[in-house]
Amino acid sequence: MNIVCIGSGNVATHLAIAFKAIGADIVQVWSHDSRNAEILAALTKAEPISNWDHLDRTADCYLIAVKDDAIASVAAHLTDVKGIVVHTSGATSMSVLSGSKNGYGVLYPLQTFSKSKAVDMTQVPLCIEADQEETLERIKAIAQLLSAKVAVVTTSQRSILHLAAVFACNFSNHLYELSSQLLERHHLSFDLLKPLILETAEKVQSATPAEAQTGPAIRNDQETIKKHLNLLEGAPALQKIYETLSNSIKKTHL
């Protein structure tokens, strides 16, 4: 299988390396930044390109892993390619690829990626969608080479998955950052919270989030909540976040 990887960021890097590891031939890596294309191309033994005129149009699959607002402009350069065209976005409609003549779809990895941290792709859910049944079977076959967790989802379902992922990952990570800042102001290390964070994440592997919920809000411990809000007296933005989340927990559980 010959693949052209469009993009050189976190998602592109992990997917390209994973495909290379299973024996796929990454023939080219495109990036608007030629240096970034060269870095990923070196890792996958591909040709780096940054000029669309140099695009190999005979590959089996064109994997678009760029920022959401760039997908449409990239897809406009792929209307006459031989292979199927897929994007990896959780929030972008499949219809943005409708100009592709030989099949198109989505291969959305439901995971957070950083270039510096390895990810076991066999355990990453890959959410797929396609313009027609034949294309879907081709994308499914490609996805199953990478992961044991392949799910066929609609565009609307994928949008909800992406939204839920923002709550579960992006928002929770921001709360880690706020916690880190709070601790730093009081000369405490964020390392002290890491075992707690890990235990919380491990709990929801075997229990529902509702079952795993703890804390003063679920106990309706108003005295503790009041003490916490007093400690945040000089930080009204944090007070508001604390109150909003506490009220949400109480509304959900009490």
C-alpha atoms as a PDB file:
ATOM      1  CA  MET A   1       0.000   0.000   0.000  1.00  0.00           C
ATOM      2  CA  ASN A   2       1.364   3.394  -1.055  1.00  0.00           C
ATOM      3  CA  ILE A   3       0.420   6.413   1.062  1.00  0.00           C
ATOM      4  CA  VAL A   4       0.977  10.128   0.631  1.00  0.00           C
ATOM      5  CA  CYS A   5       0.893  11.890   3.973  1.00  0.00           C
ATOM      6  CA  ILE A   6      -0.402  15.446   3.823  1.00  0.00           C
ATOM      7  CA  GLY A   7       0.819  17.210   6.958  1.00  0.00           C
ATOM      8  CA  SER A   8       3.722  16.898   9.359  1.00  0.00           C
ATOM      9  CA  GLY A   9       2.256  17.677  12.787  1.00  0.00           C
ATOM     10  CA  ASN A  10       1.434  15.430  15.734  1.00  0.00           C
ATOM     11  CA  VAL A  11      -1.307  13.342  14.102  1.00  0.00           C
ATOM     12  CA  ALA A  12       0.508  13.064  10.769  1.00  0.00           C
ATOM     13  CA  THR A  13       3.716  11.990  12.493  1.00  0.00           C
ATOM     14  CA  HIS A  14       2.121   9.226  14.568  1.00  0.00           C
ATOM     15  CA  LEU A  15      -0.006   7.869  11.721  1.00  0.00           C
ATOM     16  CA  ALA A  16       2.775   7.956   9.156  1.00  0.00           C
ATOM     17  CA  ILE A  17       5.180   6.162  11.488  1.00  0.00           C
ATOM     18  CA  ALA A  18       2.501   3.603  12.408  1.00  0.00           C
ATOM     19  CA  PHE A  19       1.724   2.884   8.753  1.00  0.00           C
ATOM     20  CA  LYS A  20       5.418   2.559   7.995  1.00  0.00           C
ATOM     21  CA  ALA A  21       5.780   0.100  10.880  1.00  0.00           C
ATOM     22  CA  ILE A  22       3.152  -2.238   9.389  1.00  0.00           C
ATOM     23  CA  GLY A  23       4.851  -2.241   5.994  1.00  0.00           C
ATOM     24  CA  ALA A  24       3.051   0.524   4.115  1.00  0.00           C
ATOM     25  CA  ASP A  25       5.157   2.639   1.782  1.00  0.00           C
ATOM     26  CA  ILE A  26       4.982   6.320   2.680  1.00  0.00           C
ATOM     27  CA  VAL A  27       5.929   7.649  -0.727  1.00  0.00           C
ATOM     28  CA  GLN A  28       5.704  11.358   0.062  1.00  0.00           C
ATOM     29  CA  VAL A  29       5.220  13.750   2.950  1.00  0.00           C
ATOM     30  CA  TRP A  30       3.775  17.135   2.051  1.00  0.00           C
ATOM     31  CA  SER A  31       3.963  20.180   4.287  1.00  0.00           C
ATOM     32  CA  HIS A  32       3.801  23.890   3.541  1.00  0.00           C
ATOM     33  CA  ASP A  33       6.939  24.050   5.705  1.00  0.00           C
ATOM     34  CA  SER A  34       9.631  22.205   3.751  1.00  0.00           C
ATOM     35  CA  ARG A  35      11.769  21.629   6.850  1.00  0.00           C
ATOM     36  CA  ASN A  36       8.912  19.888   8.664  1.00  0.00           C
ATOM     37  CA  ALA A  37       8.265  17.757   5.582  1.00  0.00           C
ATOM     38  CA  GLU A  38      11.915  16.763   5.545  1.00  0.00           C
ATOM     39  CA  ILE A  39      11.887  15.707   9.216  1.00  0.00           C
ATOM     40  CA  LEU A  40       8.895  13.362   8.898  1.00  0.00           C
ATOM     41  CA  ALA A  41      10.043  12.132   5.490  1.00  0.00           C
ATOM     42  CA  ALA A  42      13.383  11.138   7.033  1.00  0.00           C
ATOM     43  CA  LEU A  43      11.570   9.110   9.710  1.00  0.00           C
ATOM     44  CA  THR A  44       9.462   7.269   7.127  1.00  0.00           C
ATOM     45  CA  LYS A  45      11.946   7.085   4.242  1.00  0.00           C
ATOM     46  CA  ALA A  46       9.634   9.192   2.084  1.00  0.00           C
ATOM     47  CA  GLU A  47      10.133  12.035  -0.351  1.00  0.00           C
ATOM     48  CA  PRO A  48       9.529  15.450   1.239  1.00  0.00           C
ATOM     49  CA  ILE A  49       7.574  17.950  -0.853  1.00  0.00           C
ATOM     50  CA  SER A  50       6.093  21.383  -0.298  1.00  0.00           C
ATOM     51  CA  ASN A  51       5.065  22.098  -3.886  1.00  0.00           C
ATOM     52  CA  TRP A  52       1.805  20.593  -5.153  1.00  0.00           C
ATOM     53  CA  ASP A  53       3.284  20.294  -8.633  1.00  0.00           C
ATOM     54  CA  HIS A  54       5.547  17.538  -7.262  1.00  0.00           C
ATOM     55  CA  LEU A  55       2.686  15.457  -5.821  1.00  0.00           C
ATOM     56  CA  ASP A  56       2.607  11.768  -6.737  1.00  0.00           C
ATOM     57  CA  ARG A  57      -0.946  11.284  -8.008  1.00  0.00           C
ATOM     58  CA  THR A  58      -0.802   7.478  -8.273  1.00  0.00           C
ATOM     59  CA  ALA A  59      -0.745   6.485  -4.571  1.00  0.00           C
ATOM     60  CA  ASP A  60      -3.374   4.209  -3.019  1.00  0.00           C
ATOM     61  CA  CYS A  61      -4.286   6.587  -0.208  1.00  0.00           C
ATOM     62  CA  TYR A  62      -3.914  10.300   0.524  1.00  0.00           C
ATOM     63  CA  LEU A  63      -3.951  10.909   4.265  1.00  0.00           C
ATOM     64  CA  ILE A  64      -4.823  14.507   5.187  1.00  0.00           C
ATOM     65  CA  ALA A  65      -3.649  15.371   8.692  1.00  0.00           C
ATOM     66  CA  VAL A  66      -3.581  19.159   8.793  1.00  0.00           C
ATOM     67  CA  LYS A  67      -5.418  21.839  10.787  1.00  0.00           C
ATOM     68  CA  ASP A  68      -9.173  21.698  10.272  1.00  0.00           C
ATOM     69  CA  ASP A  69      -9.343  25.076   8.548  1.00  0.00           C
ATOM     70  CA  ALA A  70      -6.766  23.924   5.978  1.00  0.00           C
ATOM     71  CA  ILE A  71      -8.467  20.671   4.938  1.00  0.00           C
ATOM     72  CA  ALA A  72     -10.645  22.211   2.216  1.00  0.00           C
ATOM     73  CA  SER A  73      -7.739  23.996   0.537  1.00  0.00           C
ATOM     74  CA  VAL A  74      -5.640  20.823   0.659  1.00  0.00           C
ATOM     75  CA  ALA A  75      -8.482  18.715  -0.742  1.00  0.00           C
ATOM     76  CA  ALA A  76      -8.748  21.067  -3.710  1.00  0.00           C
ATOM     77  CA  HIS A  77      -5.331  19.815  -4.850  1.00  0.00           C
ATOM     78  CA  LEU A  78      -6.385  16.146  -4.684  1.00  0.00           C
ATOM     79  CA  THR A  79      -9.399  16.012  -6.985  1.00  0.00           C
ATOM     80  CA  ASP A  80      -7.621  14.036  -9.707  1.00  0.00           C
ATOM     81  CA  VAL A  81      -5.542  11.580  -7.659  1.00  0.00           C
ATOM     82  CA  LYS A  82      -5.802   7.823  -8.232  1.00  0.00           C
ATOM     83  CA  GLY A  83      -6.305   6.720  -4.624  1.00  0.00           C
ATOM     84  CA  ILE A  84      -8.853   7.353  -1.903  1.00  0.00           C
ATOM     85  CA  VAL A  85      -8.619  10.604   0.064  1.00  0.00           C
ATOM     86  CA  VAL A  86      -9.203  10.602   3.819  1.00  0.00           C
ATOM     87  CA  HIS A  87      -8.923  13.260   6.463  1.00  0.00           C
ATOM     88  CA  THR A  88      -8.258  12.670  10.157  1.00  0.00           C
ATOM     89  CA  SER A  89     -10.333  15.428  11.740  1.00  0.00           C
ATOM     90  CA  GLY A  90     -12.917  14.859  14.432  1.00  0.00           C
ATOM     91  CA  ALA A  91     -14.850  18.054  13.755  1.00  0.00           C
ATOM     92  CA  THR A  92     -14.778  18.438   9.956  1.00  0.00           C
ATOM     93  CA  SER A  93     -17.515  17.078   7.693  1.00  0.00           C
ATOM     94  CA  MET A  94     -16.601  14.377   5.229  1.00  0.00           C
ATOM     95  CA  SER A  95     -18.264  16.457   2.500  1.00  0.00           C
ATOM     96  CA  VAL A  96     -15.246  18.756   2.356  1.00  0.00           C
ATOM     97  CA  LEU A  97     -13.609  15.959   0.334  1.00  0.00           C
ATOM     98  CA  SER A  98     -16.497  15.497  -2.103  1.00  0.00           C
ATOM     99  CA  GLY A  99     -14.442  16.701  -5.056  1.00  0.00           C
ATOM    100  CA  SER A 100     -12.305  13.541  -4.875  1.00  0.00           C
ATOM    101  CA  LYS A 101     -13.194  11.270  -7.780  1.00  0.00           C
ATOM    102  CA  ASN A 102     -11.998   7.868  -6.529  1.00  0.00           C
ATOM    103  CA  GLY A 103     -13.554   7.670  -3.080  1.00  0.00           C
ATOM    104  CA  TYR A 104     -13.138   9.633   0.107  1.00  0.00           C
ATOM    105  CA  GLY A 105     -13.762   9.379   3.810  1.00  0.00           C
ATOM    106  CA  VAL A 106     -12.518   9.870   7.345  1.00  0.00           C
ATOM    107  CA  LEU A 107     -10.044   8.047   9.558  1.00  0.00           C
ATOM    108  CA  TYR A 108     -10.254   9.851  12.896  1.00  0.00           C
ATOM    109  CA  PRO A 109      -7.917   8.626  15.650  1.00  0.00           C
ATOM    110  CA  LEU A 110      -9.610   9.323  18.983  1.00  0.00           C
ATOM    111  CA  GLN A 111      -6.457  10.091  20.933  1.00  0.00           C
ATOM    112  CA  THR A 112      -4.261  12.994  21.958  1.00  0.00           C
ATOM    113  CA  PHE A 113      -0.853  13.005  20.261  1.00  0.00           C
ATOM    114  CA  SER A 114       2.486  14.648  20.919  1.00  0.00           C
ATOM    115  CA  LYS A 115       5.506  14.022  18.723  1.00  0.00           C
ATOM    116  CA  SER A 116       7.710  13.418  21.768  1.00  0.00           C
ATOM    117  CA  LYS A 117       5.533  10.657  23.291  1.00  0.00           C
ATOM    118  CA  ALA A 118       5.004   7.222  21.792  1.00  0.00           C
ATOM    119  CA  VAL A 119       1.441   5.908  21.490  1.00  0.00           C
ATOM    120  CA  ASP A 120       0.358   2.289  21.082  1.00  0.00           C
ATOM    121  CA  MET A 121      -1.704   2.735  17.939  1.00  0.00           C
ATOM    122  CA  THR A 122      -3.176  -0.771  18.263  1.00  0.00           C
ATOM    123  CA  GLN A 123      -5.209   0.531  21.230  1.00  0.00           C
ATOM    124  CA  VAL A 124      -6.313   3.832  19.665  1.00  0.00           C
ATOM    125  CA  PRO A 125      -9.963   3.908  18.525  1.00  0.00           C
ATOM    126  CA  LEU A 126     -10.100   4.724  14.816  1.00  0.00           C
ATOM    127  CA  CYS A 127     -13.453   6.193  13.805  1.00  0.00           C
ATOM    128  CA  ILE A 128     -14.161   5.787  10.105  1.00  0.00           C
ATOM    129  CA  GLU A 129     -16.695   7.009   7.570  1.00  0.00           C
ATOM    130  CA  ALA A 130     -16.852   6.975   3.777  1.00  0.00           C
ATOM    131  CA  ASP A 131     -18.793   8.263   0.796  1.00  0.00           C
ATOM    132  CA  GLN A 132     -19.904   4.781  -0.280  1.00  0.00           C
ATOM    133  CA  GLU A 133     -19.810   1.183   0.949  1.00  0.00           C
ATOM    134  CA  GLU A 134     -16.902   0.131  -1.263  1.00  0.00           C
ATOM    135  CA  THR A 135     -14.752   3.003   0.001  1.00  0.00           C
ATOM    136  CA  LEU A 136     -15.766   2.243   3.591  1.00  0.00           C
ATOM    137  CA  GLU A 137     -14.538  -1.337   3.241  1.00  0.00           C
ATOM    138  CA  ARG A 138     -11.212  -0.085   1.891  1.00  0.00           C
ATOM    139  CA  ILE A 139     -10.804   2.390   4.746  1.00  0.00           C
ATOM    140  CA  LYS A 140     -11.826  -0.259   7.269  1.00  0.00           C
ATOM    141  CA  ALA A 141      -9.186  -2.633   5.915  1.00  0.00           C
ATOM    142  CA  ILE A 142      -6.566   0.100   6.219  1.00  0.00           C
ATOM    143  CA  ALA A 143      -7.686   1.038   9.745  1.00  0.00           C
ATOM    144  CA  GLN A 144      -7.685  -2.583  10.932  1.00  0.00           C
ATOM    145  CA  LEU A 145      -4.032  -2.861   9.977  1.00  0.00           C
ATOM    146  CA  LEU A 146      -3.293  -0.208  12.597  1.00  0.00           C
ATOM    147  CA  SER A 147      -5.767  -0.758  15.416  1.00  0.00           C
ATOM    148  CA  ALA A 148      -7.896  -3.423  17.044  1.00  0.00           C
ATOM    149  CA  LYS A 149     -10.507  -0.748  17.788  1.00  0.00           C
ATOM    150  CA  VAL A 150     -12.176   0.383  14.559  1.00  0.00           C
ATOM    151  CA  ALA A 151     -15.651   1.936  14.695  1.00  0.00           C
ATOM    152  CA  VAL A 152     -17.893   3.057  11.838  1.00  0.00           C
ATOM    153  CA  VAL A 153     -19.512   6.372  12.830  1.00  0.00           C
ATOM    154  CA  THR A 154     -21.559   9.023  11.076  1.00  0.00           C
ATOM    155  CA  THR A 155     -20.462  12.636  10.710  1.00  0.00           C
ATOM    156  CA  SER A 156     -22.849  13.715  13.476  1.00  0.00           C
ATOM    157  CA  GLN A 157     -21.647  10.949  15.793  1.00  0.00           C
ATOM    158  CA  ARG A 158     -18.023  11.901  15.116  1.00  0.00           C
ATOM    159  CA  SER A 159     -18.825  15.515  15.980  1.00  0.00           C
ATOM    160  CA  ILE A 160     -20.246  14.394  19.339  1.00  0.00           C
ATOM    161  CA  LEU A 161     -17.204  12.195  19.962  1.00  0.00           C
ATOM    162  CA  HIS A 162     -14.934  15.150  19.284  1.00  0.00           C
ATOM    163  CA  LEU A 163     -16.977  17.371  21.602  1.00  0.00           C
ATOM    164  CA  ALA A 164     -16.899  14.736  24.353  1.00  0.00           C
ATOM    165  CA  ALA A 165     -13.143  14.393  23.869  1.00  0.00           C
ATOM    166  CA  VAL A 166     -12.712  18.132  24.436  1.00  0.00           C
ATOM    167  CA  PHE A 167     -14.500  17.801  27.779  1.00  0.00           C
ATOM    168  CA  ALA A 168     -12.618  14.650  28.779  1.00  0.00           C
ATOM    169  CA  CYS A 169      -9.154  15.630  27.562  1.00  0.00           C
ATOM    170  CA  ASN A 170      -8.658  19.302  26.715  1.00  0.00           C
ATOM    171  CA  PHE A 171     -10.734  20.729  29.545  1.00  0.00           C
ATOM    172  CA  SER A 172      -9.354  18.311  32.128  1.00  0.00           C
ATOM    173  CA  ASN A 173      -5.804  19.115  31.029  1.00  0.00           C
ATOM    174  CA  HIS A 174      -6.571  22.823  31.415  1.00  0.00           C
ATOM    175  CA  LEU A 175      -7.735  22.101  34.947  1.00  0.00           C
ATOM    176  CA  TYR A 176      -4.380  20.380  35.537  1.00  0.00           C
ATOM    177  CA  GLU A 177      -2.720  23.601  34.417  1.00  0.00           C
ATOM    178  CA  LEU A 178      -4.853  25.706  36.767  1.00  0.00           C
ATOM    179  CA  SER A 179      -4.033  23.286  39.592  1.00  0.00           C
ATOM    180  CA  SER A 180      -0.336  23.557  38.750  1.00  0.00           C
ATOM    181  CA  GLN A 181      -0.465  27.361  38.849  1.00  0.00           C
ATOM    182  CA  LEU A 182      -2.304  27.315  42.173  1.00  0.00           C
ATOM    183  CA  LEU A 183       0.276  24.992  43.699  1.00  0.00           C
ATOM    184  CA  GLU A 184       3.181  26.977  42.306  1.00  0.00           C
ATOM    185  CA  ARG A 185       1.899  30.163  43.914  1.00  0.00           C
ATOM    186  CA  HIS A 186       2.065  28.367  47.248  1.00  0.00           C
ATOM    187  CA  HIS A 187       5.474  26.750  46.631  1.00  0.00           C
ATOM    188  CA  LEU A 188       4.106  23.255  46.144  1.00  0.00           C
ATOM    189  CA  SER A 189       4.980  20.758  43.413  1.00  0.00           C
ATOM    190  CA  PHE A 190       2.479  19.506  40.833  1.00  0.00           C
ATOM    191  CA  ASP A 191       4.177  16.111  41.254  1.00  0.00           C
ATOM    192  CA  LEU A 192       2.176  15.690  44.459  1.00  0.00           C
ATOM    193  CA  LEU A 193      -1.028  15.484  42.391  1.00  0.00           C
ATOM    194  CA  LYS A 194       0.209  12.996  39.795  1.00  0.00           C
ATOM    195  CA  PRO A 195      -0.700   9.811  41.723  1.00  0.00           C
ATOM    196  CA  LEU A 196      -4.202  11.231  42.292  1.00  0.00           C
ATOM    197  CA  ILE A 197      -4.610  12.046  38.610  1.00  0.00           C
ATOM    198  CA  LEU A 198      -3.428   8.573  37.614  1.00  0.00           C
ATOM    199  CA  GLU A 199      -5.763   6.844  40.077  1.00  0.00           C
ATOM    200  CA  THR A 200      -8.727   8.873  38.804  1.00  0.00           C
ATOM    201  CA  ALA A 201      -7.942   7.931  35.191  1.00  0.00           C
ATOM    202  CA  GLU A 202      -7.545   4.268  36.124  1.00  0.00           C
ATOM    203  CA  LYS A 203     -10.871   4.189  37.978  1.00  0.00           C
ATOM    204  CA  VAL A 204     -12.889   5.012  34.876  1.00  0.00           C
ATOM    205  CA  GLN A 205     -11.342   2.057  33.055  1.00  0.00           C
ATOM    206  CA  SER A 206     -13.462  -0.259  35.198  1.00  0.00           C
ATOM    207  CA  ALA A 207     -16.210   2.005  36.568  1.00  0.00           C
ATOM    208  CA  THR A 208     -18.456   4.664  35.085  1.00  0.00           C
ATOM    209  CA  PRO A 209     -17.492   8.308  35.667  1.00  0.00           C
ATOM    210  CA  ALA A 210     -20.605   8.648  37.820  1.00  0.00           C
ATOM    211  CA  GLU A 211     -19.464   5.765  40.017  1.00  0.00           C
ATOM    212  CA  ALA A 212     -15.934   7.179  40.259  1.00  0.00           C
ATOM    213  CA  GLN A 213     -16.989  10.703  41.276  1.00  0.00           C
ATOM    214  CA  THR A 214     -15.722  11.867  44.672  1.00  0.00           C
ATOM    215  CA  GLY A 215     -15.164  15.226  46.362  1.00  0.00           C
ATOM    216  CA  PRO A 216     -17.008  17.803  48.476  1.00  0.00           C
ATOM    217  CA  ALA A 217     -19.649  18.607  45.844  1.00  0.00           C
ATOM    218  CA  ILE A 218     -21.006  15.058  45.563  1.00  0.00           C
ATOM    219  CA  ARG A 219     -21.109  14.912  49.394  1.00  0.00           C
ATOM    220  CA  ASN A 220     -22.819  18.316  49.454  1.00  0.00           C
ATOM    221  CA  ASP A 221     -20.120  19.387  51.910  1.00  0.00           C
ATOM    222  CA  GLN A 222     -20.991  23.075  51.985  1.00  0.00           C
ATOM    223  CA  GLU A 223     -18.483  23.904  54.714  1.00  0.00           C
ATOM    224  CA  THR A 224     -15.540  22.629  52.665  1.00  0.00           C
ATOM    225  CA  ILE A 225     -16.845  24.277  49.494  1.00  0.00           C
ATOM    226  CA  LYS A 226     -17.099  27.588  51.341  1.00  0.00           C
ATOM    227  CA  LYS A 227     -13.518  27.220  52.626  1.00  0.00           C
ATOM    228  CA  HIS A 228     -12.267  26.525  49.105  1.00  0.00           C
ATOM    229  CA  LEU A 229     -14.054  29.564  47.710  1.00  0.00           C
ATOM    230  CA  ASN A 230     -12.532  31.707  50.481  1.00  0.00           C
ATOM    231  CA  LEU A 231      -9.073  30.444  49.534  1.00  0.00           C
ATOM    232  CA  LEU A 232      -9.793  31.605  45.976  1.00  0.00           C
ATOM    233  CA  GLU A 233     -10.940  35.051  47.067  1.00  0.00           C
ATOM    234  CA  GLY A 234      -8.169  36.780  45.121  1.00  0.00           C
ATOM    235  CA  ALA A 235      -8.862  34.748  41.975  1.00  0.00           C
ATOM    236  CA  PRO A 236     -12.453  35.404  40.828  1.00  0.00           C
ATOM    237  CA  ALA A 237     -11.998  33.461  37.582  1.00  0.00           C
ATOM    238  CA  LEU A 238     -11.037  30.335  39.524  1.00  0.00           C
ATOM    239  CA  GLN A 239     -13.912  30.913  41.942  1.00  0.00           C
ATOM    240  CA  LYS A 240     -16.326  30.936  39.017  1.00  0.00           C
ATOM    241  CA  ILE A 241     -14.890  27.720  37.569  1.00  0.00           C
ATOM    242  CA  TYR A 242     -15.014  26.066  41.002  1.00  0.00           C
ATOM    243  CA  GLU A 243     -18.626  27.097  41.560  1.00  0.00           C
ATOM    244  CA  THR A 244     -19.725  26.094  38.046  1.00  0.00           C
ATOM    245  CA  LEU A 245     -18.199  22.628  38.280  1.00  0.00           C
ATOM    246  CA  SER A 246     -19.378  22.070  41.852  1.00  0.00           C
ATOM    247  CA  ASN A 247     -22.919  23.036  40.905  1.00  0.00           C
ATOM    248  CA  SER A 248     -22.778  20.727  37.888  1.00  0.00           C
ATOM    249  CA  ILE A 249     -21.652  17.804  40.069  1.00  0.00           C
ATOM    250  CA  LYS A 250     -24.407  18.493  42.612  1.00  0.00           C
ATOM    251  CA  LYS A 251     -27.028  18.793  39.874  1.00  0.00           C
ATOM    252  CA  THR A 252     -25.875  15.489  38.389  1.00  0.00           C
ATOM    253  CA  HIS A 253     -25.642  13.485  41.578  1.00  0.00           C
ATOM    254  CA  LEU A 254     -27.832  15.018  44.283  1.00  0.00           C
END
